[in-house]
Amino acid sequence: MVTGEKLVVVYRAMGEAEALIIKGLLESNGISCVLKSNAAPSVHVFAVDGLGEVKVMVDELRAEEANGLIEGAGHV
């Protein structure tokens, strides 16, 4: 569960599938996260100029750790 008072974006995925991979990576390492998108996945299957973008957000207290995991996995 996300416990801090502030969530920060640690990754911007080009779609729901990519965001779910990052979410799985983080959660398998004990970091809870939230996915946020402005569009329904069924409406925007791919990202064009930010449409379909999914933000991966974590507790700001775990952001540095999350960034390290994402970079280490070769996603950034």
N, C-alpha and C. Protein backbone atom coordinates (compact mmCIF):
# COMPACT_ATOMS: atom_id res chain seq x y z
N MET A 1 0.84 -1.19 0.00
CA MET A 1 0.00 0.00 0.00
C MET A 1 0.87 1.24 0.00
N VAL A 2 0.46 2.26 -0.74
CA VAL A 2 1.17 3.52 -0.79
C VAL A 2 0.87 4.26 0.51
N THR A 3 1.93 4.63 1.27
CA THR A 3 1.72 5.15 2.61
C THR A 3 2.08 6.62 2.80
N GLY A 4 2.88 7.18 1.94
CA GLY A 4 3.31 8.57 2.12
C GLY A 4 2.22 9.56 1.82
N GLU A 5 2.53 10.81 2.02
CA GLU A 5 1.53 11.84 1.77
C GLU A 5 1.55 12.33 0.34
N LYS A 6 2.63 12.02 -0.40
CA LYS A 6 2.74 12.53 -1.76
C LYS A 6 3.19 11.43 -2.71
N LEU A 7 2.51 11.35 -3.84
CA LEU A 7 2.91 10.41 -4.89
C LEU A 7 3.69 11.18 -5.95
N VAL A 8 4.72 10.54 -6.49
CA VAL A 8 5.51 11.16 -7.56
C VAL A 8 5.58 10.21 -8.74
N VAL A 9 5.71 10.77 -9.92
CA VAL A 9 5.81 9.98 -11.14
C VAL A 9 7.25 9.48 -11.28
N VAL A 10 7.40 8.17 -11.42
CA VAL A 10 8.72 7.60 -11.63
C VAL A 10 8.90 7.04 -13.04
N TYR A 11 7.80 6.92 -13.79
CA TYR A 11 7.90 6.39 -15.15
C TYR A 11 6.66 6.81 -15.94
N ARG A 12 6.87 7.11 -17.20
CA ARG A 12 5.77 7.42 -18.12
C ARG A 12 5.78 6.36 -19.21
N ALA A 13 4.79 5.49 -19.16
CA ALA A 13 4.70 4.39 -20.11
C ALA A 13 3.91 4.82 -21.34
N MET A 14 4.20 4.17 -22.46
CA MET A 14 3.52 4.48 -23.70
C MET A 14 2.20 3.72 -23.86
N GLY A 15 1.77 3.06 -22.81
CA GLY A 15 0.50 2.34 -22.86
C GLY A 15 0.34 1.49 -21.62
N GLU A 16 -0.83 0.91 -21.48
CA GLU A 16 -1.15 0.13 -20.29
C GLU A 16 -0.25 -1.10 -20.13
N ALA A 17 0.04 -1.79 -21.24
CA ALA A 17 0.86 -3.00 -21.15
C ALA A 17 2.24 -2.69 -20.58
N GLU A 18 2.87 -1.65 -21.07
CA GLU A 18 4.19 -1.25 -20.57
C GLU A 18 4.10 -0.84 -19.10
N ALA A 19 3.07 -0.11 -18.74
CA ALA A 19 2.88 0.33 -17.35
C ALA A 19 2.72 -0.87 -16.42
N LEU A 20 2.01 -1.89 -16.87
CA LEU A 20 1.81 -3.08 -16.04
C LEU A 20 3.12 -3.85 -15.83
N ILE A 21 4.01 -3.81 -16.81
CA ILE A 21 5.33 -4.45 -16.64
C ILE A 21 6.11 -3.72 -15.56
N ILE A 22 6.11 -2.39 -15.61
CA ILE A 22 6.82 -1.60 -14.60
C ILE A 22 6.19 -1.80 -13.23
N LYS A 23 4.87 -1.83 -13.19
CA LYS A 23 4.17 -2.05 -11.92
C LYS A 23 4.57 -3.40 -11.33
N GLY A 24 4.62 -4.43 -12.15
CA GLY A 24 5.02 -5.75 -11.68
C GLY A 24 6.44 -5.76 -11.14
N LEU A 25 7.34 -5.07 -11.83
CA LEU A 25 8.73 -4.96 -11.38
C LEU A 25 8.79 -4.32 -10.00
N LEU A 26 8.10 -3.20 -9.86
CA LEU A 26 8.14 -2.48 -8.58
C LEU A 26 7.49 -3.29 -7.46
N GLU A 27 6.31 -3.83 -7.72
CA GLU A 27 5.60 -4.56 -6.67
C GLU A 27 6.32 -5.85 -6.28
N SER A 28 7.02 -6.48 -7.22
CA SER A 28 7.77 -7.68 -6.87
C SER A 28 8.98 -7.36 -5.99
N ASN A 29 9.32 -6.07 -5.93
CA ASN A 29 10.40 -5.61 -5.07
C ASN A 29 9.87 -4.84 -3.86
N GLY A 30 8.58 -5.01 -3.57
CA GLY A 30 7.99 -4.43 -2.37
C GLY A 30 7.63 -2.96 -2.45
N ILE A 31 7.55 -2.41 -3.66
CA ILE A 31 7.19 -1.00 -3.81
C ILE A 31 5.80 -0.90 -4.42
N SER A 32 4.85 -0.42 -3.64
CA SER A 32 3.49 -0.24 -4.13
C SER A 32 3.46 0.94 -5.09
N CYS A 33 2.59 0.84 -6.09
CA CYS A 33 2.49 1.95 -7.03
C CYS A 33 1.05 2.10 -7.52
N VAL A 34 0.82 3.22 -8.15
CA VAL A 34 -0.49 3.57 -8.69
C VAL A 34 -0.28 3.92 -10.16
N LEU A 35 -1.18 3.48 -11.01
CA LEU A 35 -1.14 3.83 -12.43
C LEU A 35 -2.19 4.91 -12.68
N LYS A 36 -1.79 5.94 -13.42
CA LYS A 36 -2.72 7.03 -13.70
C LYS A 36 -2.68 7.36 -15.18
N SER A 37 -3.87 7.42 -15.78
CA SER A 37 -3.99 7.75 -17.19
C SER A 37 -5.17 8.68 -17.38
N ASN A 38 -5.08 9.56 -18.35
CA ASN A 38 -6.18 10.47 -18.64
C ASN A 38 -7.17 9.89 -19.64
N ALA A 39 -6.79 8.76 -20.25
CA ALA A 39 -7.66 8.16 -21.27
C ALA A 39 -7.93 6.70 -20.95
N ALA A 40 -9.10 6.25 -21.30
CA ALA A 40 -9.43 4.83 -21.13
C ALA A 40 -8.57 4.01 -22.09
N PRO A 41 -7.97 2.90 -21.63
CA PRO A 41 -7.11 2.09 -22.50
C PRO A 41 -7.80 1.62 -23.77
N SER A 42 -9.09 1.38 -23.72
CA SER A 42 -9.79 0.90 -24.90
C SER A 42 -9.96 2.00 -25.95
N VAL A 43 -9.84 3.25 -25.53
CA VAL A 43 -9.98 4.37 -26.46
C VAL A 43 -8.67 4.65 -27.18
N HIS A 44 -7.55 4.63 -26.42
CA HIS A 44 -6.24 4.92 -26.98
C HIS A 44 -5.33 3.72 -26.75
N VAL A 45 -5.25 2.85 -27.74
CA VAL A 45 -4.47 1.64 -27.61
C VAL A 45 -2.97 1.94 -27.63
N PHE A 46 -2.57 3.01 -28.30
CA PHE A 46 -1.17 3.39 -28.36
C PHE A 46 -1.05 4.88 -28.06
N ALA A 47 0.17 5.32 -27.78
CA ALA A 47 0.38 6.72 -27.40
C ALA A 47 0.82 7.55 -28.60
N VAL A 48 0.13 8.63 -28.83
CA VAL A 48 0.50 9.61 -29.84
C VAL A 48 0.40 10.97 -29.17
N ASP A 49 1.51 11.69 -29.09
CA ASP A 49 1.55 12.99 -28.43
C ASP A 49 0.97 12.92 -27.02
N GLY A 50 1.28 11.86 -26.31
CA GLY A 50 0.85 11.73 -24.92
C GLY A 50 -0.47 11.04 -24.72
N LEU A 51 -1.23 10.83 -25.79
CA LEU A 51 -2.49 10.11 -25.64
C LEU A 51 -2.17 8.66 -25.32
N GLY A 52 -2.82 8.11 -24.34
CA GLY A 52 -2.56 6.74 -23.95
C GLY A 52 -1.42 6.58 -22.98
N GLU A 53 -0.75 7.69 -22.66
CA GLU A 53 0.35 7.63 -21.69
C GLU A 53 -0.18 7.24 -20.32
N VAL A 54 0.56 6.37 -19.64
CA VAL A 54 0.19 5.93 -18.30
C VAL A 54 1.34 6.29 -17.37
N LYS A 55 1.03 7.05 -16.34
CA LYS A 55 2.04 7.44 -15.36
C LYS A 55 2.10 6.39 -14.25
N VAL A 56 3.31 5.98 -13.92
CA VAL A 56 3.53 5.07 -12.80
C VAL A 56 3.98 5.93 -11.63
N MET A 57 3.20 5.90 -10.55
CA MET A 57 3.45 6.78 -9.41
C MET A 57 3.70 5.97 -8.15
N VAL A 58 4.67 6.43 -7.36
CA VAL A 58 4.99 5.77 -6.10
C VAL A 58 5.07 6.81 -4.99
N ASP A 59 5.07 6.32 -3.77
CA ASP A 59 5.27 7.16 -2.59
C ASP A 59 6.60 7.88 -2.76
N GLU A 60 6.64 9.18 -2.51
CA GLU A 60 7.88 9.94 -2.72
C GLU A 60 9.04 9.40 -1.89
N LEU A 61 8.74 8.73 -0.78
CA LEU A 61 9.79 8.16 0.06
C LEU A 61 10.46 6.96 -0.61
N ARG A 62 9.82 6.37 -1.60
CA ARG A 62 10.37 5.19 -2.30
C ARG A 62 10.77 5.51 -3.74
N ALA A 63 10.66 6.77 -4.15
CA ALA A 63 10.91 7.15 -5.54
C ALA A 63 12.34 6.84 -5.99
N GLU A 64 13.31 7.15 -5.18
CA GLU A 64 14.70 6.91 -5.56
C GLU A 64 14.96 5.41 -5.77
N GLU A 65 14.43 4.62 -4.86
CA GLU A 65 14.57 3.16 -4.97
C GLU A 65 13.87 2.65 -6.23
N ALA A 66 12.67 3.16 -6.50
CA ALA A 66 11.92 2.75 -7.68
C ALA A 66 12.68 3.12 -8.96
N ASN A 67 13.22 4.32 -9.02
CA ASN A 67 13.99 4.75 -10.19
C ASN A 67 15.19 3.85 -10.41
N GLY A 68 15.86 3.46 -9.33
CA GLY A 68 17.00 2.56 -9.44
C GLY A 68 16.62 1.21 -10.02
N LEU A 69 15.49 0.67 -9.58
CA LEU A 69 15.01 -0.60 -10.12
C LEU A 69 14.66 -0.51 -11.61
N ILE A 70 13.99 0.56 -11.97
CA ILE A 70 13.58 0.74 -13.37
C ILE A 70 14.81 0.91 -14.25
N GLU A 71 15.76 1.71 -13.83
CA GLU A 71 16.99 1.92 -14.62
C GLU A 71 17.79 0.62 -14.70
N GLY A 72 17.84 -0.11 -13.61
CA GLY A 72 18.57 -1.38 -13.58
C GLY A 72 17.96 -2.44 -14.48
N ALA A 73 16.66 -2.33 -14.70
CA ALA A 73 15.98 -3.30 -15.56
C ALA A 73 16.07 -2.91 -17.02
N GLY A 74 16.66 -1.75 -17.29
CA GLY A 74 16.85 -1.32 -18.67
C GLY A 74 15.64 -0.69 -19.31
N HIS A 75 14.71 -0.16 -18.52
CA HIS A 75 13.51 0.46 -19.06
C HIS A 75 13.64 1.96 -19.27
N VAL A 76 14.74 2.56 -18.80
CA VAL A 76 14.89 4.01 -18.96
C VAL A 76 16.15 4.30 -19.72
